[in-house]
Amino acid sequence: MRAIFSFSFIVVLTFILGAILAYPLKLLLDPVLELAFRKYLNYATLISGVITCAIYLRINNLLTAEAFGFSGAIDKFLMRFLNGFIYGLLIMSIIEVILFVLGIHEIDSYRDVWLLSNFSLLIKIIIMSLLIAIIEELIFRGAFFSGLYKRTGAFISTIFTSLIYSTVHFVRYPDLKSGSEIDWLTGLMMMPDAFRRFFEWDITDYFFTLFIFGVLLSLLRLKHKNIAACIGLHAGVVALIKIADYFTNRTTESDFNHLVSPYNSTFGWISFAVISLFTIFYFLKFDVKNSKKN
């Protein structure tokens, strides 16, 4: 219980610290980026997550590269990353095919689908997907997982990191009214509105999809003892989602539209079912291997 309490405290601290850091981050980057303040809040929360991860690992006497999920030979690490990336593309390809067959997605006729004409876009998507995957996996399957695993074991660390991982995706800071004064307390004042989606039932399918995806990533972490495959799988999934969002449209005529979340054009009960099957298969395969070793 104490381990779960300390873990929950670190998560809350991450959001509070992120809300405070958003203002100086805005002052630093506004001359170059001029982003909406809610975006600075998102970036500041990610920075805060890395900081609180280090604090969490230090408290648990685990402040090492291995605890963050970086271990093993470089060549094996890169190979596992590549394998994970391919599996991520495979999972999302299966989901996309199902969405097309059911008439939920269709090709955007206004987009040029030739590879060479979209080469720079694809590079940007891959880079962005890698950055998202590295940061999120470093936090969730890296530091948070290591700290919980040491004190609670595989089951609780898998469930709680997956639960928090799915939860944070529904934290959405609202846009400020034009001309609003921004200071150190603005982010903290916006926090209550950021959690408004948790009172909406429509997020259920999206929430469970992210949760089971977190479980699958945790199984990869348990098997390989590092986050190489986690980063690869995560990046592959995010990359194909962004590509699909750009080149496809969600239709309104399909009788199966209720199987996809209103908050996301791809995730919903269909993606939950597909990822669940991969997770069950991987769990059984992982369990069989462990049984043979024992």
Protein backbone atom coordinates (compact mmCIF):
# COMPACT_ATOMS: atom_id res chain seq x y z
CA MET A 1 0.00 0.00 0.00
CA ARG A 2 2.83 2.38 0.83
CA ALA A 3 4.41 1.74 -2.58
CA ILE A 4 1.14 2.58 -4.36
CA PHE A 5 0.69 5.71 -2.24
CA SER A 6 4.19 7.00 -3.04
CA PHE A 7 3.68 6.21 -6.72
CA SER A 8 0.36 8.10 -6.75
CA PHE A 9 1.99 11.04 -4.98
CA ILE A 10 4.69 11.24 -7.66
CA VAL A 11 2.02 11.25 -10.40
CA VAL A 12 0.15 14.12 -8.71
CA LEU A 13 3.44 15.96 -8.17
CA THR A 14 4.19 15.60 -11.89
CA PHE A 15 1.04 17.50 -12.86
CA ILE A 16 1.50 20.20 -10.22
CA LEU A 17 5.14 20.78 -11.15
CA GLY A 18 4.24 20.80 -14.85
CA ALA A 19 1.55 23.43 -14.24
CA ILE A 20 4.11 25.63 -12.46
CA LEU A 21 6.88 25.13 -15.05
CA ALA A 22 4.57 26.05 -17.96
CA TYR A 23 4.90 29.78 -17.30
CA PRO A 24 8.73 30.01 -17.38
CA LEU A 25 8.70 27.65 -20.37
CA LYS A 26 6.39 30.07 -22.16
CA LEU A 27 8.67 33.01 -21.34
CA LEU A 28 11.65 31.06 -22.66
CA LEU A 29 10.12 29.75 -25.89
CA ASP A 30 7.48 32.34 -26.82
CA PRO A 31 9.92 34.52 -28.80
CA VAL A 32 10.45 31.54 -31.12
CA LEU A 33 7.34 29.34 -31.03
CA GLU A 34 4.41 31.51 -29.85
CA LEU A 35 2.29 28.49 -28.92
CA ALA A 36 -1.03 28.40 -27.08
CA PHE A 37 -0.46 28.23 -23.32
CA ARG A 38 -2.11 24.78 -23.10
CA LYS A 39 0.65 23.40 -25.33
CA TYR A 40 3.30 24.79 -23.00
CA LEU A 41 1.42 23.03 -20.20
CA ASN A 42 1.64 19.73 -22.08
CA TYR A 43 5.36 20.10 -22.76
CA ALA A 44 6.07 21.27 -19.22
CA THR A 45 4.25 18.22 -17.85
CA LEU A 46 6.48 15.94 -19.94
CA ILE A 47 9.58 17.72 -18.61
CA SER A 48 8.15 17.46 -15.12
CA GLY A 49 7.57 13.73 -15.69
CA VAL A 50 11.26 13.17 -16.39
CA ILE A 51 12.21 15.16 -13.26
CA THR A 52 9.77 13.32 -10.97
CA CYS A 53 10.87 9.99 -12.46
CA ALA A 54 14.42 10.72 -11.34
CA ILE A 55 13.12 11.67 -7.89
CA TYR A 56 11.04 8.48 -7.72
CA LEU A 57 14.00 6.31 -8.68
CA ARG A 58 16.25 8.12 -6.21
CA ILE A 59 13.78 7.47 -3.40
CA ASN A 60 13.84 3.79 -4.32
CA ASN A 61 17.65 3.74 -4.68
CA LEU A 62 17.33 2.93 -8.38
CA LEU A 63 18.69 6.02 -10.11
CA THR A 64 20.53 4.21 -12.91
CA ALA A 65 20.25 3.88 -16.68
CA GLU A 66 18.96 0.34 -16.20
CA ALA A 67 16.08 1.57 -14.05
CA PHE A 68 15.07 3.94 -16.85
CA GLY A 69 14.99 0.89 -19.13
CA PHE A 70 18.28 1.34 -20.97
CA SER A 71 20.37 -1.79 -20.63
CA GLY A 72 22.03 -4.51 -22.68
CA ALA A 73 24.27 -4.43 -25.73
CA ILE A 74 23.59 -1.60 -28.17
CA ASP A 75 23.17 -3.91 -31.17
CA LYS A 76 20.58 -6.06 -29.36
CA PHE A 77 18.82 -2.94 -28.08
CA LEU A 78 18.50 -1.56 -31.61
CA MET A 79 17.36 -4.92 -32.98
CA ARG A 80 14.63 -5.20 -30.37
CA PHE A 81 13.60 -1.63 -31.13
CA LEU A 82 13.33 -2.45 -34.84
CA ASN A 83 11.33 -5.61 -34.18
CA GLY A 84 9.01 -3.65 -31.92
CA PHE A 85 8.54 -0.97 -34.57
CA ILE A 86 7.59 -3.57 -37.17
CA TYR A 87 5.08 -5.18 -34.79
CA GLY A 88 3.62 -1.74 -34.06
CA LEU A 89 3.08 -1.16 -37.77
CA LEU A 90 1.58 -4.65 -38.07
CA ILE A 91 -0.92 -4.12 -35.25
CA MET A 92 -2.07 -0.77 -36.61
CA SER A 93 -2.22 -2.12 -40.18
CA ILE A 94 -4.63 -4.84 -39.04
CA ILE A 95 -6.77 -2.25 -37.26
CA GLU A 96 -6.77 0.05 -40.30
CA VAL A 97 -7.76 -2.79 -42.65
CA ILE A 98 -10.72 -3.62 -40.39
CA LEU A 99 -11.75 0.06 -40.29
CA PHE A 100 -11.65 0.20 -44.11
CA VAL A 101 -13.59 -3.05 -44.53
CA LEU A 102 -16.29 -1.80 -42.16
CA GLY A 103 -16.48 1.51 -44.02
CA ILE A 104 -15.37 3.57 -41.00
CA HIS A 105 -12.31 4.97 -42.78
CA GLU A 106 -11.87 6.02 -46.39
CA ILE A 107 -8.97 7.48 -48.36
CA ASP A 108 -8.94 11.28 -48.42
CA SER A 109 -9.28 12.03 -52.12
CA TYR A 110 -7.69 15.45 -51.67
CA ARG A 111 -4.39 13.97 -50.46
CA ASP A 112 -1.54 12.98 -52.76
CA VAL A 113 -0.66 9.41 -51.74
CA TRP A 114 2.63 9.14 -53.67
CA LEU A 115 5.54 8.38 -51.35
CA LEU A 116 8.06 10.82 -52.85
CA SER A 117 5.70 13.78 -52.65
CA ASN A 118 5.12 13.08 -48.95
CA PHE A 119 8.65 12.05 -48.02
CA SER A 120 9.33 15.07 -45.76
CA LEU A 121 5.99 14.55 -44.01
CA LEU A 122 6.79 10.89 -43.32
CA ILE A 123 10.19 11.83 -41.88
CA LYS A 124 8.53 14.37 -39.57
CA ILE A 125 5.97 11.78 -38.47
CA ILE A 126 8.66 9.19 -37.72
CA ILE A 127 10.75 11.70 -35.73
CA MET A 128 7.71 12.89 -33.77
CA SER A 129 6.61 9.30 -33.11
CA LEU A 130 10.08 8.41 -31.84
CA LEU A 131 10.18 11.41 -29.50
CA ILE A 132 6.75 10.59 -28.07
CA ALA A 133 7.65 6.92 -27.65
CA ILE A 134 11.03 7.57 -26.02
CA ILE A 135 9.69 10.09 -23.49
CA GLU A 136 6.55 8.13 -22.57
CA GLU A 137 8.35 4.78 -22.33
CA LEU A 138 11.19 6.28 -20.31
CA ILE A 139 8.58 7.53 -17.83
CA PHE A 140 6.03 4.69 -17.70
CA ARG A 141 7.80 1.43 -18.62
CA GLY A 142 11.12 2.84 -17.48
CA ALA A 143 11.21 4.71 -14.19
CA PHE A 144 7.68 4.17 -12.88
CA PHE A 145 7.69 0.47 -13.76
CA SER A 146 11.11 -0.11 -12.20
CA GLY A 147 10.19 1.60 -8.94
CA LEU A 148 6.88 -0.25 -8.57
CA TYR A 149 8.34 -3.58 -9.70
CA LYS A 150 10.99 -3.46 -7.00
CA ARG A 151 8.43 -2.93 -4.23
CA THR A 152 5.28 -4.72 -5.50
CA GLY A 153 6.15 -7.20 -8.26
CA ALA A 154 5.14 -7.70 -11.88
CA PHE A 155 1.34 -7.76 -11.59
CA ILE A 156 0.79 -4.53 -9.66
CA SER A 157 3.51 -2.63 -11.55
CA THR A 158 1.90 -3.68 -14.86
CA ILE A 159 -1.63 -2.74 -13.79
CA PHE A 160 -0.82 0.59 -12.16
CA THR A 161 1.58 1.89 -14.81
CA SER A 162 -0.94 0.94 -17.51
CA LEU A 163 -3.75 2.58 -15.57
CA ILE A 164 -1.85 5.86 -15.15
CA TYR A 165 -0.64 5.68 -18.76
CA SER A 166 -4.21 5.46 -20.08
CA THR A 167 -5.46 8.08 -17.63
CA VAL A 168 -3.00 10.85 -18.52
CA HIS A 169 -4.05 10.73 -22.17
CA PHE A 170 -7.38 12.27 -21.20
CA VAL A 171 -5.89 15.26 -19.43
CA ARG A 172 -6.67 18.13 -21.78
CA TYR A 173 -6.03 21.71 -20.80
CA PRO A 174 -8.58 24.15 -22.29
CA ASP A 175 -7.66 27.16 -24.39
CA LEU A 176 -7.44 30.45 -22.53
CA LYS A 177 -9.69 33.31 -23.54
CA SER A 178 -8.03 35.85 -25.80
CA GLY A 179 -6.22 38.52 -23.81
CA SER A 180 -6.09 36.48 -20.59
CA GLU A 181 -3.25 37.39 -18.25
CA ILE A 182 -0.77 34.54 -17.74
CA ASP A 183 1.43 34.11 -14.67
CA TRP A 184 2.92 31.43 -12.41
CA LEU A 185 -0.50 30.37 -11.08
CA THR A 186 -2.34 30.16 -14.41
CA GLY A 187 -1.47 26.51 -15.00
CA LEU A 188 -2.64 25.53 -11.53
CA MET A 189 -5.91 27.41 -12.02
CA MET A 190 -6.51 25.52 -15.29
CA MET A 191 -5.96 22.06 -13.77
CA PRO A 192 -9.58 21.34 -12.70
CA ASP A 193 -10.84 21.84 -16.27
CA ALA A 194 -8.06 19.61 -17.59
CA PHE A 195 -9.66 16.56 -15.94
CA ARG A 196 -13.21 17.20 -17.16
CA ARG A 197 -13.20 14.23 -19.57
CA PHE A 198 -13.09 11.72 -16.73
CA PHE A 199 -16.79 12.39 -16.14
CA GLU A 200 -17.74 11.39 -19.71
CA TRP A 201 -18.70 7.79 -20.50
CA ASP A 202 -17.70 8.24 -24.15
CA ILE A 203 -14.03 7.82 -23.25
CA THR A 204 -14.54 4.20 -22.06
CA ASP A 205 -13.48 2.40 -25.27
CA TYR A 206 -10.52 4.71 -25.82
CA PHE A 207 -9.47 4.36 -22.18
CA PHE A 208 -9.51 0.54 -22.26
CA THR A 209 -7.60 0.50 -25.55
CA LEU A 210 -4.79 2.58 -24.04
CA PHE A 211 -4.88 0.44 -20.89
CA ILE A 212 -4.47 -2.88 -22.74
CA PHE A 213 -1.78 -1.28 -24.90
CA GLY A 214 0.04 -0.35 -21.69
CA VAL A 215 -0.24 -3.96 -20.51
CA LEU A 216 1.30 -5.20 -23.76
CA LEU A 217 4.18 -2.71 -23.42
CA SER A 218 4.71 -3.83 -19.81
CA LEU A 219 4.97 -7.46 -20.93
CA LEU A 220 7.67 -6.45 -23.39
CA ARG A 221 9.47 -4.65 -20.56
CA LEU A 222 9.28 -7.76 -18.37
CA LYS A 223 10.55 -10.07 -21.07
CA HIS A 224 13.46 -8.02 -22.43
CA LYS A 225 14.48 -6.22 -19.19
CA ASN A 226 14.70 -2.93 -21.09
CA ILE A 227 12.44 -0.56 -23.05
CA ALA A 228 13.89 -1.10 -26.54
CA ALA A 229 10.93 -3.12 -27.86
CA CYS A 230 8.53 -0.85 -25.94
CA ILE A 231 9.87 2.23 -27.73
CA GLY A 232 9.75 0.48 -31.09
CA LEU A 233 6.19 -0.82 -30.69
CA HIS A 234 4.97 2.50 -29.34
CA ALA A 235 6.62 4.47 -32.15
CA GLY A 236 5.26 2.13 -34.82
CA VAL A 237 1.70 2.48 -33.52
CA VAL A 238 1.89 6.27 -33.19
CA ALA A 239 3.49 6.66 -36.64
CA LEU A 240 0.78 4.69 -38.43
CA ILE A 241 -1.97 6.50 -36.51
CA LYS A 242 -0.57 9.86 -37.66
CA ILE A 243 -0.19 8.61 -41.23
CA ALA A 244 -3.77 7.29 -41.21
CA ASP A 245 -5.06 10.57 -39.76
CA TYR A 246 -3.41 12.45 -42.60
CA PHE A 247 -4.37 10.21 -45.53
CA THR A 248 -7.82 9.01 -44.45
CA ASN A 249 -11.13 10.41 -43.32
CA ARG A 250 -13.62 8.99 -40.87
CA THR A 251 -16.98 8.45 -42.52
CA THR A 252 -20.38 9.09 -40.97
CA GLU A 253 -22.38 6.53 -42.96
CA SER A 254 -20.97 3.31 -41.50
CA ASP A 255 -23.19 1.23 -39.22
CA PHE A 256 -20.07 0.40 -37.17
CA ASN A 257 -19.04 3.93 -36.23
CA HIS A 258 -19.94 3.25 -32.61
CA LEU A 259 -16.96 0.85 -32.47
CA VAL A 260 -14.55 3.80 -32.75
CA SER A 261 -14.21 6.47 -30.06
CA PRO A 262 -15.64 9.95 -30.71
CA TYR A 263 -12.38 11.30 -29.25
CA ASN A 264 -10.10 9.44 -31.64
CA SER A 265 -10.53 8.49 -35.29
CA THR A 266 -8.76 5.13 -34.85
CA PHE A 267 -8.99 3.83 -31.28
CA GLY A 268 -12.13 2.24 -29.87
CA TRP A 269 -13.58 -1.23 -29.31
CA ILE A 270 -12.09 -2.57 -32.57
CA SER A 271 -8.56 -1.52 -31.62
CA PHE A 272 -9.16 -2.78 -28.07
CA ALA A 273 -10.08 -6.23 -29.42
CA VAL A 274 -7.08 -6.41 -31.78
CA ILE A 275 -4.54 -5.26 -29.19
CA SER A 276 -6.11 -7.56 -26.58
CA LEU A 277 -5.56 -10.56 -28.86
CA PHE A 278 -1.90 -9.61 -29.36
CA THR A 279 -1.54 -9.09 -25.59
CA ILE A 280 -3.09 -12.47 -24.73
CA PHE A 281 -0.97 -14.23 -27.33
CA TYR A 282 2.20 -12.56 -26.08
CA PHE A 283 1.33 -13.29 -22.45
CA LEU A 284 0.76 -16.99 -23.18
CA LYS A 285 3.99 -17.16 -25.17
CA PHE A 286 5.89 -15.36 -22.40
CA ASP A 287 4.34 -17.58 -19.70
CA VAL A 288 5.19 -20.79 -21.56
CA LYS A 289 8.82 -19.73 -21.93
CA ASN A 290 9.05 -18.90 -18.23
CA SER A 291 7.54 -22.30 -17.34
CA LYS A 292 10.13 -24.11 -19.44
CA LYS A 293 12.95 -22.18 -17.75
CA ASN A 294 11.62 -23.15 -14.35
